[in-house]
Amino acid sequence: AINPLASTPEEYIAMSILLALLVGGLQFLFGI
């Protein structure tokens, strides 16, 4: 997901953490 998008290591890490937030949000919503 992130390899094609991130241009710096810092951006890569930030995207991976945002991805966790998005994945968790979707899973929580699906569960509720």
PDB file of all heavy atoms in Angstrom:
ATOM      1  N   ALA A   1       0.816  -1.210   0.000  1.00  0.00           N
ATOM      2  CA  ALA A   1       0.000   0.000   0.000  1.00  0.00           C
ATOM      3  C   ALA A   1       0.852   1.263   0.000  1.00  0.00           C
ATOM      4  O   ALA A   1       0.515   2.256  -0.666  1.00  0.00           O
ATOM      5  CB  ALA A   1      -0.925   0.001   1.222  1.00  0.00           C
ATOM      6  N   ILE A   2       1.955   1.245   0.735  1.00  0.00           N
ATOM      7  CA  ILE A   2       2.696   2.481   0.987  1.00  0.00           C
ATOM      8  C   ILE A   2       3.875   2.683   0.035  1.00  0.00           C
ATOM      9  O   ILE A   2       4.218   3.826  -0.298  1.00  0.00           O
ATOM     10  CB  ILE A   2       3.188   2.507   2.457  1.00  0.00           C
ATOM     11  CG1 ILE A   2       1.983   2.395   3.392  1.00  0.00           C
ATOM     12  CG2 ILE A   2       3.957   3.786   2.766  1.00  0.00           C
ATOM     13  CD1 ILE A   2       2.347   2.267   4.847  1.00  0.00           C
ATOM     14  N   ASN A   3       4.481   1.598  -0.419  1.00  0.00           N
ATOM     15  CA  ASN A   3       5.673   1.725  -1.280  1.00  0.00           C
ATOM     16  C   ASN A   3       5.492   2.674  -2.457  1.00  0.00           C
ATOM     17  O   ASN A   3       6.357   3.498  -2.736  1.00  0.00           O
ATOM     18  CB  ASN A   3       6.101   0.343  -1.791  1.00  0.00           C
ATOM     19  CG  ASN A   3       7.177  -0.273  -0.905  1.00  0.00           C
ATOM     20  OD1 ASN A   3       7.987   0.432  -0.300  1.00  0.00           O
ATOM     21  ND2 ASN A   3       7.167  -1.589  -0.800  1.00  0.00           N
ATOM     22  N   PRO A   4       4.369   2.598  -3.177  1.00  0.00           N
ATOM     23  CA  PRO A   4       4.226   3.498  -4.336  1.00  0.00           C
ATOM     24  C   PRO A   4       3.949   4.958  -3.951  1.00  0.00           C
ATOM     25  O   PRO A   4       4.006   5.830  -4.824  1.00  0.00           O
ATOM     26  CB  PRO A   4       3.016   2.916  -5.086  1.00  0.00           C
ATOM     27  CG  PRO A   4       2.770   1.578  -4.498  1.00  0.00           C
ATOM     28  CD  PRO A   4       3.241   1.652  -3.089  1.00  0.00           C
ATOM     29  N   LEU A   5       3.643   5.211  -2.680  1.00  0.00           N
ATOM     30  CA  LEU A   5       3.174   6.537  -2.294  1.00  0.00           C
ATOM     31  C   LEU A   5       4.214   7.357  -1.527  1.00  0.00           C
ATOM     32  O   LEU A   5       4.298   8.575  -1.703  1.00  0.00           O
ATOM     33  CB  LEU A   5       1.909   6.413  -1.424  1.00  0.00           C
ATOM     34  CG  LEU A   5       0.732   5.646  -2.040  1.00  0.00           C
ATOM     35  CD1 LEU A   5      -0.381   5.484  -1.008  1.00  0.00           C
ATOM     36  CD2 LEU A   5       0.210   6.369  -3.276  1.00  0.00           C
ATOM     37  N   ALA A   6       4.977   6.709  -0.670  1.00  0.00           N
ATOM     38  CA  ALA A   6       5.892   7.440   0.220  1.00  0.00           C
ATOM     39  C   ALA A   6       7.190   7.796  -0.490  1.00  0.00           C
ATOM     40  O   ALA A   6       7.750   6.986  -1.231  1.00  0.00           O
ATOM     41  CB  ALA A   6       6.184   6.616   1.459  1.00  0.00           C
ATOM     42  N   SER A   7       7.665   9.015  -0.248  1.00  0.00           N
ATOM     43  CA  SER A   7       8.909   9.468  -0.892  1.00  0.00           C
ATOM     44  C   SER A   7      10.071   9.568   0.091  1.00  0.00           C
ATOM     45  O   SER A   7      11.224   9.642  -0.322  1.00  0.00           O
ATOM     46  CB  SER A   7       8.682  10.838  -1.551  1.00  0.00           C
ATOM     47  OG  SER A   7       8.169  11.767  -0.612  1.00  0.00           O
ATOM     48  N   THR A   8       9.783   9.559   1.400  1.00  0.00           N
ATOM     49  CA  THR A   8      10.835   9.627   2.427  1.00  0.00           C
ATOM     50  C   THR A   8      10.533   8.613   3.517  1.00  0.00           C
ATOM     51  O   THR A   8       9.374   8.212   3.697  1.00  0.00           O
ATOM     52  CB  THR A   8      10.906  11.027   3.066  1.00  0.00           C
ATOM     53  OG1 THR A   8       9.684  11.277   3.783  1.00  0.00           O
ATOM     54  CG2 THR A   8      11.104  12.107   2.002  1.00  0.00           C
ATOM     55  N   PRO A   9      11.550   8.182   4.293  1.00  0.00           N
ATOM     56  CA  PRO A   9      11.302   7.249   5.399  1.00  0.00           C
ATOM     57  C   PRO A   9      10.296   7.793   6.409  1.00  0.00           C
ATOM     58  O   PRO A   9       9.464   7.046   6.931  1.00  0.00           O
ATOM     59  CB  PRO A   9      12.687   7.080   6.031  1.00  0.00           C
ATOM     60  CG  PRO A   9      13.652   7.377   4.928  1.00  0.00           C
ATOM     61  CD  PRO A   9      12.993   8.441   4.107  1.00  0.00           C
ATOM     62  N   GLU A  10      10.376   9.085   6.682  1.00  0.00           N
ATOM     63  CA  GLU A  10       9.447   9.691   7.650  1.00  0.00           C
ATOM     64  C   GLU A  10       8.009   9.613   7.147  1.00  0.00           C
ATOM     65  O   GLU A  10       7.072   9.326   7.899  1.00  0.00           O
ATOM     66  CB  GLU A  10       9.834  11.150   7.915  1.00  0.00           C
ATOM     67  CG  GLU A  10      11.157  11.335   8.635  1.00  0.00           C
ATOM     68  CD  GLU A  10      12.361  11.122   7.723  1.00  0.00           C
ATOM     69  OE1 GLU A  10      12.186  11.137   6.471  1.00  0.00           O
ATOM     70  OE2 GLU A  10      13.469  10.907   8.248  1.00  0.00           O
ATOM     71  N   GLU A  11       7.826   9.882   5.850  1.00  0.00           N
ATOM     72  CA  GLU A  11       6.495   9.814   5.267  1.00  0.00           C
ATOM     73  C   GLU A  11       5.981   8.379   5.255  1.00  0.00           C
ATOM     74  O   GLU A  11       4.798   8.131   5.484  1.00  0.00           O
ATOM     75  CB  GLU A  11       6.519  10.383   3.844  1.00  0.00           C
ATOM     76  CG  GLU A  11       5.132  10.552   3.232  1.00  0.00           C
ATOM     77  CD  GLU A  11       5.178  11.152   1.841  1.00  0.00           C
ATOM     78  OE1 GLU A  11       6.264  11.131   1.209  1.00  0.00           O
ATOM     79  OE2 GLU A  11       4.135  11.644   1.381  1.00  0.00           O
ATOM     80  N   TYR A  12       6.885   7.428   5.028  1.00  0.00           N
ATOM     81  CA  TYR A  12       6.528   6.019   5.013  1.00  0.00           C
ATOM     82  C   TYR A  12       5.985   5.595   6.379  1.00  0.00           C
ATOM     83  O   TYR A  12       4.936   4.940   6.479  1.00  0.00           O
ATOM     84  CB  TYR A  12       7.758   5.176   4.653  1.00  0.00           C
ATOM     85  CG  TYR A  12       7.451   3.746   4.271  1.00  0.00           C
ATOM     86  CD1 TYR A  12       7.475   3.342   2.947  1.00  0.00           C
ATOM     87  CD2 TYR A  12       7.139   2.794   5.245  1.00  0.00           C
ATOM     88  CE1 TYR A  12       7.201   2.023   2.592  1.00  0.00           C
ATOM     89  CE2 TYR A  12       6.858   1.482   4.906  1.00  0.00           C
ATOM     90  CZ  TYR A  12       6.894   1.103   3.574  1.00  0.00           C
ATOM     91  OH  TYR A  12       6.612  -0.193   3.225  1.00  0.00           O
ATOM     92  N   ILE A  13       6.690   5.992   7.429  1.00  0.00           N
ATOM     93  CA  ILE A  13       6.264   5.640   8.788  1.00  0.00           C
ATOM     94  C   ILE A  13       4.922   6.298   9.112  1.00  0.00           C
ATOM     95  O   ILE A  13       4.016   5.667   9.667  1.00  0.00           O
ATOM     96  CB  ILE A  13       7.338   6.061   9.810  1.00  0.00           C
ATOM     97  CG1 ILE A  13       8.589   5.204   9.631  1.00  0.00           C
ATOM     98  CG2 ILE A  13       6.808   5.942  11.237  1.00  0.00           C
ATOM     99  CD1 ILE A  13       9.791   5.666  10.432  1.00  0.00           C
ATOM    100  N   ALA A  14       4.777   7.563   8.749  1.00  0.00           N
ATOM    101  CA  ALA A  14       3.527   8.288   9.018  1.00  0.00           C
ATOM    102  C   ALA A  14       2.353   7.617   8.305  1.00  0.00           C
ATOM    103  O   ALA A  14       1.255   7.489   8.862  1.00  0.00           O
ATOM    104  CB  ALA A  14       3.660   9.742   8.578  1.00  0.00           C
ATOM    105  N   MET A  15       2.571   7.164   7.064  1.00  0.00           N
ATOM    106  CA  MET A  15       1.507   6.506   6.311  1.00  0.00           C
ATOM    107  C   MET A  15       1.135   5.157   6.926  1.00  0.00           C
ATOM    108  O   MET A  15      -0.037   4.768   6.953  1.00  0.00           O
ATOM    109  CB  MET A  15       1.922   6.319   4.853  1.00  0.00           C
ATOM    110  CG  MET A  15       1.833   7.573   4.020  1.00  0.00           C
ATOM    111  SD  MET A  15       2.108   7.213   2.264  1.00  0.00           S
ATOM    112  CE  MET A  15       1.644   8.780   1.527  1.00  0.00           C
ATOM    113  N   SER A  16       2.131   4.426   7.427  1.00  0.00           N
ATOM    114  CA  SER A  16       1.844   3.117   8.023  1.00  0.00           C
ATOM    115  C   SER A  16       0.999   3.273   9.281  1.00  0.00           C
ATOM    116  O   SER A  16       0.108   2.453   9.554  1.00  0.00           O
ATOM    117  CB  SER A  16       3.145   2.373   8.345  1.00  0.00           C
ATOM    118  OG  SER A  16       3.834   2.991   9.420  1.00  0.00           O
ATOM    119  N   ILE A  17       1.257   4.334  10.049  1.00  0.00           N
ATOM    120  CA  ILE A  17       0.481   4.583  11.260  1.00  0.00           C
ATOM    121  C   ILE A  17      -0.933   5.052  10.900  1.00  0.00           C
ATOM    122  O   ILE A  17      -1.920   4.617  11.511  1.00  0.00           O
ATOM    123  CB  ILE A  17       1.206   5.620  12.143  1.00  0.00           C
ATOM    124  CG1 ILE A  17       2.520   5.021  12.658  1.00  0.00           C
ATOM    125  CG2 ILE A  17       0.319   6.070  13.298  1.00  0.00           C
ATOM    126  CD1 ILE A  17       3.431   6.016  13.347  1.00  0.00           C
ATOM    127  N   LEU A  18      -1.046   5.919   9.886  1.00  0.00           N
ATOM    128  CA  LEU A  18      -2.368   6.343   9.424  1.00  0.00           C
ATOM    129  C   LEU A  18      -3.151   5.149   8.891  1.00  0.00           C
ATOM    130  O   LEU A  18      -4.369   5.037   9.101  1.00  0.00           O
ATOM    131  CB  LEU A  18      -2.228   7.412   8.337  1.00  0.00           C
ATOM    132  CG  LEU A  18      -3.532   7.860   7.660  1.00  0.00           C
ATOM    133  CD1 LEU A  18      -4.513   8.435   8.675  1.00  0.00           C
ATOM    134  CD2 LEU A  18      -3.249   8.878   6.554  1.00  0.00           C
ATOM    135  N   LEU A  19      -2.451   4.238   8.218  1.00  0.00           N
ATOM    136  CA  LEU A  19      -3.102   3.037   7.696  1.00  0.00           C
ATOM    137  C   LEU A  19      -3.689   2.201   8.835  1.00  0.00           C
ATOM    138  O   LEU A  19      -4.792   1.648   8.710  1.00  0.00           O
ATOM    139  CB  LEU A  19      -2.101   2.206   6.887  1.00  0.00           C
ATOM    140  CG  LEU A  19      -2.655   1.052   6.053  1.00  0.00           C
ATOM    141  CD1 LEU A  19      -3.689   1.535   5.055  1.00  0.00           C
ATOM    142  CD2 LEU A  19      -1.524   0.327   5.329  1.00  0.00           C
ATOM    143  N   ALA A  20      -2.975   2.115   9.955  1.00  0.00           N
ATOM    144  CA  ALA A  20      -3.501   1.388  11.121  1.00  0.00           C
ATOM    145  C   ALA A  20      -4.789   2.042  11.618  1.00  0.00           C
ATOM    146  O   ALA A  20      -5.757   1.352  11.984  1.00  0.00           O
ATOM    147  CB  ALA A  20      -2.461   1.358  12.232  1.00  0.00           C
ATOM    148  N   LEU A  21      -4.807   3.369  11.621  1.00  0.00           N
ATOM    149  CA  LEU A  21      -6.004   4.098  12.060  1.00  0.00           C
ATOM    150  C   LEU A  21      -7.176   3.823  11.122  1.00  0.00           C
ATOM    151  O   LEU A  21      -8.312   3.578  11.570  1.00  0.00           O
ATOM    152  CB  LEU A  21      -5.699   5.594  12.120  1.00  0.00           C
ATOM    153  CG  LEU A  21      -6.812   6.502  12.662  1.00  0.00           C
ATOM    154  CD1 LEU A  21      -7.113   6.172  14.119  1.00  0.00           C
ATOM    155  CD2 LEU A  21      -6.423   7.974  12.514  1.00  0.00           C
ATOM    156  N   LEU A  22      -6.934   3.839   9.814  1.00  0.00           N
ATOM    157  CA  LEU A  22      -7.994   3.590   8.833  1.00  0.00           C
ATOM    158  C   LEU A  22      -8.502   2.156   8.916  1.00  0.00           C
ATOM    159  O   LEU A  22      -9.715   1.904   8.910  1.00  0.00           O
ATOM    160  CB  LEU A  22      -7.480   3.886   7.423  1.00  0.00           C
ATOM    161  CG  LEU A  22      -7.144   5.342   7.101  1.00  0.00           C
ATOM    162  CD1 LEU A  22      -6.523   5.445   5.705  1.00  0.00           C
ATOM    163  CD2 LEU A  22      -8.389   6.217   7.189  1.00  0.00           C
ATOM    164  N   VAL A  23      -7.576   1.211   8.981  1.00  0.00           N
ATOM    165  CA  VAL A  23      -7.960  -0.207   9.072  1.00  0.00           C
ATOM    166  C   VAL A  23      -8.769  -0.446  10.337  1.00  0.00           C
ATOM    167  O   VAL A  23      -9.830  -1.091  10.315  1.00  0.00           O
ATOM    168  CB  VAL A  23      -6.705  -1.110   9.054  1.00  0.00           C
ATOM    169  CG1 VAL A  23      -7.064  -2.548   9.420  1.00  0.00           C
ATOM    170  CG2 VAL A  23      -6.044  -1.069   7.681  1.00  0.00           C
ATOM    171  N   GLY A  24      -8.280   0.082  11.449  1.00  0.00           N
ATOM    172  CA  GLY A  24      -8.999  -0.091  12.706  1.00  0.00           C
ATOM    173  C   GLY A  24     -10.368   0.554  12.680  1.00  0.00           C
ATOM    174  O   GLY A  24     -11.344  -0.025  13.179  1.00  0.00           O
ATOM    175  N   GLY A  25     -10.446   1.740  12.099  1.00  0.00           N
ATOM    176  CA  GLY A  25     -11.736   2.429  12.007  1.00  0.00           C
ATOM    177  C   GLY A  25     -12.746   1.639  11.202  1.00  0.00           C
ATOM    178  O   GLY A  25     -13.913   1.518  11.590  1.00  0.00           O
ATOM    179  N   LEU A  26     -12.308   1.084  10.079  1.00  0.00           N
ATOM    180  CA  LEU A  26     -13.201   0.271   9.246  1.00  0.00           C
ATOM    181  C   LEU A  26     -13.645  -0.989   9.982  1.00  0.00           C
ATOM    182  O   LEU A  26     -14.826  -1.349   9.974  1.00  0.00           O
ATOM    183  CB  LEU A  26     -12.500  -0.097   7.935  1.00  0.00           C
ATOM    184  CG  LEU A  26     -12.341   1.029   6.915  1.00  0.00           C
ATOM    185  CD1 LEU A  26     -11.397   0.610   5.793  1.00  0.00           C
ATOM    186  CD2 LEU A  26     -13.691   1.434   6.337  1.00  0.00           C
ATOM    187  N   GLN A  27     -12.698  -1.673  10.620  1.00  0.00           N
ATOM    188  CA  GLN A  27     -13.036  -2.902  11.337  1.00  0.00           C
ATOM    189  C   GLN A  27     -14.002  -2.618  12.493  1.00  0.00           C
ATOM    190  O   GLN A  27     -14.966  -3.363  12.709  1.00  0.00           O
ATOM    191  CB  GLN A  27     -11.763  -3.574  11.852  1.00  0.00           C
ATOM    192  CG  GLN A  27     -10.911  -4.171  10.746  1.00  0.00           C
ATOM    193  CD  GLN A  27      -9.592  -4.721  11.239  1.00  0.00           C
ATOM    194  OE1 GLN A  27      -9.020  -4.208  12.209  1.00  0.00           O
ATOM    195  NE2 GLN A  27      -9.088  -5.750  10.600  1.00  0.00           N
ATOM    196  N   PHE A  28     -13.747  -1.529  13.227  1.00  0.00           N
ATOM    197  CA  PHE A  28     -14.633  -1.179  14.340  1.00  0.00           C
ATOM    198  C   PHE A  28     -16.037  -0.855  13.819  1.00  0.00           C
ATOM    199  O   PHE A  28     -17.041  -1.299  14.382  1.00  0.00           O
ATOM    200  CB  PHE A  28     -14.064   0.015  15.105  1.00  0.00           C
ATOM    201  CG  PHE A  28     -14.890   0.423  16.293  1.00  0.00           C
ATOM    202  CD1 PHE A  28     -14.804  -0.278  17.483  1.00  0.00           C
ATOM    203  CD2 PHE A  28     -15.766   1.494  16.211  1.00  0.00           C
ATOM    204  CE1 PHE A  28     -15.578   0.078  18.580  1.00  0.00           C
ATOM    205  CE2 PHE A  28     -16.542   1.862  17.294  1.00  0.00           C
ATOM    206  CZ  PHE A  28     -16.450   1.150  18.488  1.00  0.00           C
ATOM    207  N   LEU A  29     -16.096  -0.101  12.728  1.00  0.00           N
ATOM    208  CA  LEU A  29     -17.389   0.255  12.138  1.00  0.00           C
ATOM    209  C   LEU A  29     -18.134  -0.987  11.668  1.00  0.00           C
ATOM    210  O   LEU A  29     -19.336  -1.143  11.917  1.00  0.00           O
ATOM    211  CB  LEU A  29     -17.172   1.222  10.971  1.00  0.00           C
ATOM    212  CG  LEU A  29     -18.441   1.758  10.278  1.00  0.00           C
ATOM    213  CD1 LEU A  29     -19.248   2.607  11.258  1.00  0.00           C
ATOM    214  CD2 LEU A  29     -18.065   2.570   9.046  1.00  0.00           C
ATOM    215  N   PHE A  30     -17.429  -1.891  10.983  1.00  0.00           N
ATOM    216  CA  PHE A  30     -18.055  -3.132  10.524  1.00  0.00           C
ATOM    217  C   PHE A  30     -18.585  -3.935  11.705  1.00  0.00           C
ATOM    218  O   PHE A  30     -19.659  -4.545  11.632  1.00  0.00           O
ATOM    219  CB  PHE A  30     -17.051  -3.982   9.739  1.00  0.00           C
ATOM    220  CG  PHE A  30     -16.620  -3.378   8.436  1.00  0.00           C
ATOM    221  CD1 PHE A  30     -15.440  -3.787   7.825  1.00  0.00           C
ATOM    222  CD2 PHE A  30     -17.370  -2.393   7.818  1.00  0.00           C
ATOM    223  CE1 PHE A  30     -15.031  -3.233   6.626  1.00  0.00           C
ATOM    224  CE2 PHE A  30     -16.972  -1.831   6.617  1.00  0.00           C
ATOM    225  CZ  PHE A  30     -15.799  -2.252   6.020  1.00  0.00           C
ATOM    226  N   GLY A  31     -17.822  -3.967  12.800  1.00  0.00           N
ATOM    227  CA  GLY A  31     -18.243  -4.723  13.970  1.00  0.00           C
ATOM    228  C   GLY A  31     -19.483  -4.140  14.617  1.00  0.00           C
ATOM    229  O   GLY A  31     -20.432  -4.865  14.954  1.00  0.00           O
ATOM    230  N   ILE A  32     -19.511  -2.814  14.806  1.00  0.00           N
ATOM    231  CA  ILE A  32     -20.649  -2.148  15.440  1.00  0.00           C
ATOM    232  C   ILE A  32     -21.909  -2.300  14.591  1.00  0.00           C
ATOM    233  O   ILE A  32     -23.011  -2.498  15.111  1.00  0.00           O
ATOM    234  CB  ILE A  32     -20.338  -0.650  15.675  1.00  0.00           C
ATOM    235  CG1 ILE A  32     -19.213  -0.496  16.704  1.00  0.00           C
ATOM    236  CG2 ILE A  32     -21.572   0.096  16.127  1.00  0.00           C
ATOM    237  CD1 ILE A  32     -19.537  -1.061  18.073  1.00  0.00           C
TER     238      ILE A  32
END
